[in-house]
């Protein structure tokens, strides 16, 4: 189930990237000019990659624990870090979806 949430977040990142590409068409497309910087996009990309890295570390630690190479303390720390990172990412996604829904409800 956690991989599904990560994939949903990755799809959201694709949507953000697609929007940024269309907004840089200089008057074409939606007619929205490109923002002066893509700080938000890079922030989301960094959050996604950090979460993926922590999930990969947790998976590797789990496999190492089964083999006996990783201690239970290290496994617990890796899983806790991955869980916190994933919960943070899901929270950000939920806020973005909520904001989009609020925008869609606005009268024209």
Protein backbone atom coordinates (compact mmCIF):
# COMPACT_ATOMS: atom_id res chain seq x y z
CA UNK A 1 0.00 0.00 0.00
CA UNK A 2 2.86 2.41 0.67
CA UNK A 3 4.19 1.91 -2.86
CA UNK A 4 0.76 2.90 -4.20
CA UNK A 5 0.93 6.17 -2.25
CA UNK A 6 4.44 6.83 -3.55
CA UNK A 7 3.27 6.15 -7.11
CA UNK A 8 0.35 8.55 -6.62
CA UNK A 9 2.80 11.17 -5.42
CA UNK A 10 5.04 10.50 -8.40
CA UNK A 11 2.02 10.96 -10.69
CA UNK A 12 1.34 14.27 -8.96
CA UNK A 13 4.93 15.32 -9.62
CA UNK A 14 4.42 14.46 -13.29
CA UNK A 15 1.35 16.70 -13.29
CA UNK A 16 3.32 19.57 -11.73
CA UNK A 17 6.08 19.12 -14.30
CA UNK A 18 3.56 19.03 -17.15
CA UNK A 19 1.93 22.22 -15.89
CA UNK A 20 5.31 23.94 -15.68
CA UNK A 21 6.05 22.91 -19.27
CA UNK A 22 2.73 24.26 -20.54
CA UNK A 23 3.07 27.50 -18.63
CA UNK A 24 6.43 28.18 -20.28
CA UNK A 25 4.96 28.31 -23.78
CA UNK A 26 5.15 32.14 -23.88
CA UNK A 27 1.51 33.02 -24.33
CA UNK A 28 0.46 29.70 -25.80
CA UNK A 29 -1.42 27.05 -23.89
CA UNK A 30 -3.12 28.44 -20.81
CA UNK A 31 -1.65 31.91 -21.23
CA UNK A 32 0.05 31.75 -17.85
CA UNK A 33 3.56 33.09 -17.68
CA UNK A 34 6.22 30.95 -16.06
CA UNK A 35 7.03 31.65 -12.44
CA UNK A 36 10.35 33.39 -11.83
CA UNK A 37 11.75 30.26 -10.23
CA UNK A 38 10.72 26.66 -9.83
CA UNK A 39 11.50 26.46 -6.13
CA UNK A 40 8.26 24.68 -5.32
CA UNK A 41 8.80 22.10 -8.03
CA UNK A 42 12.34 21.41 -6.87
CA UNK A 43 11.10 21.17 -3.29
CA UNK A 44 8.50 18.57 -4.27
CA UNK A 45 11.03 16.66 -6.37
CA UNK A 46 13.49 16.62 -3.46
CA UNK A 47 10.81 15.43 -1.04
CA UNK A 48 9.84 12.62 -3.40
CA UNK A 49 13.41 11.49 -3.96
CA UNK A 50 14.24 11.66 -0.23
CA UNK A 51 11.16 9.59 0.59
CA UNK A 52 12.02 7.04 -2.07
CA UNK A 53 15.58 6.80 -0.75
CA UNK A 54 14.35 6.26 2.82
CA UNK A 55 11.89 3.60 1.66
CA UNK A 56 14.68 1.85 -0.23
CA UNK A 57 16.90 1.98 2.86
CA UNK A 58 14.09 0.50 4.96
CA UNK A 59 13.60 -2.32 2.43
CA UNK A 60 17.33 -3.03 2.35
CA UNK A 61 17.46 -2.99 6.14
CA UNK A 62 14.55 -5.40 6.31
CA UNK A 63 16.30 -7.81 3.96
CA UNK A 64 19.52 -7.40 5.96
CA UNK A 65 17.68 -8.08 9.19
CA UNK A 66 16.25 -11.32 7.79
CA UNK A 67 19.78 -12.38 6.84
CA UNK A 68 21.07 -11.33 10.26
CA UNK A 69 23.34 -8.56 8.94
CA UNK A 70 21.35 -5.66 10.45
CA UNK A 71 20.47 -5.26 14.12
CA UNK A 72 16.87 -4.78 15.19
CA UNK A 73 17.67 -1.27 16.43
CA UNK A 74 19.00 -0.21 13.03
CA UNK A 75 15.98 -1.79 11.36
CA UNK A 76 13.58 0.05 13.67
CA UNK A 77 15.33 3.35 12.99
CA UNK A 78 15.26 2.83 9.21
CA UNK A 79 11.58 1.87 9.22
CA UNK A 80 10.68 4.79 11.51
CA UNK A 81 12.54 7.26 9.25
CA UNK A 82 10.76 5.87 6.19
CA UNK A 83 7.39 6.05 7.95
CA UNK A 84 7.86 9.67 9.02
CA UNK A 85 9.02 10.66 5.55
CA UNK A 86 6.10 8.89 3.89
CA UNK A 87 3.56 10.43 6.28
CA UNK A 88 5.00 13.87 5.59
CA UNK A 89 4.81 13.32 1.84
CA UNK A 90 1.23 12.06 2.06
CA UNK A 91 0.32 15.09 4.17
CA UNK A 92 1.80 17.42 1.54
CA UNK A 93 -0.10 15.57 -1.18
CA UNK A 94 -3.35 15.89 0.77
CA UNK A 95 -2.81 19.64 1.20
CA UNK A 96 -2.12 20.03 -2.53
CA UNK A 97 -5.25 18.11 -3.45
CA UNK A 98 -7.29 20.17 -0.98
CA UNK A 99 -5.91 23.40 -2.42
CA UNK A 100 -6.69 22.25 -5.97
CA UNK A 101 -10.24 21.36 -4.94
CA UNK A 102 -10.65 24.82 -3.36
CA UNK A 103 -9.45 26.43 -6.59
CA UNK A 104 -11.85 24.34 -8.67
CA UNK A 105 -14.76 25.38 -6.44
CA UNK A 106 -14.07 29.09 -6.96
CA UNK A 107 -16.61 30.89 -9.13
CA UNK A 108 -15.34 32.21 -12.42
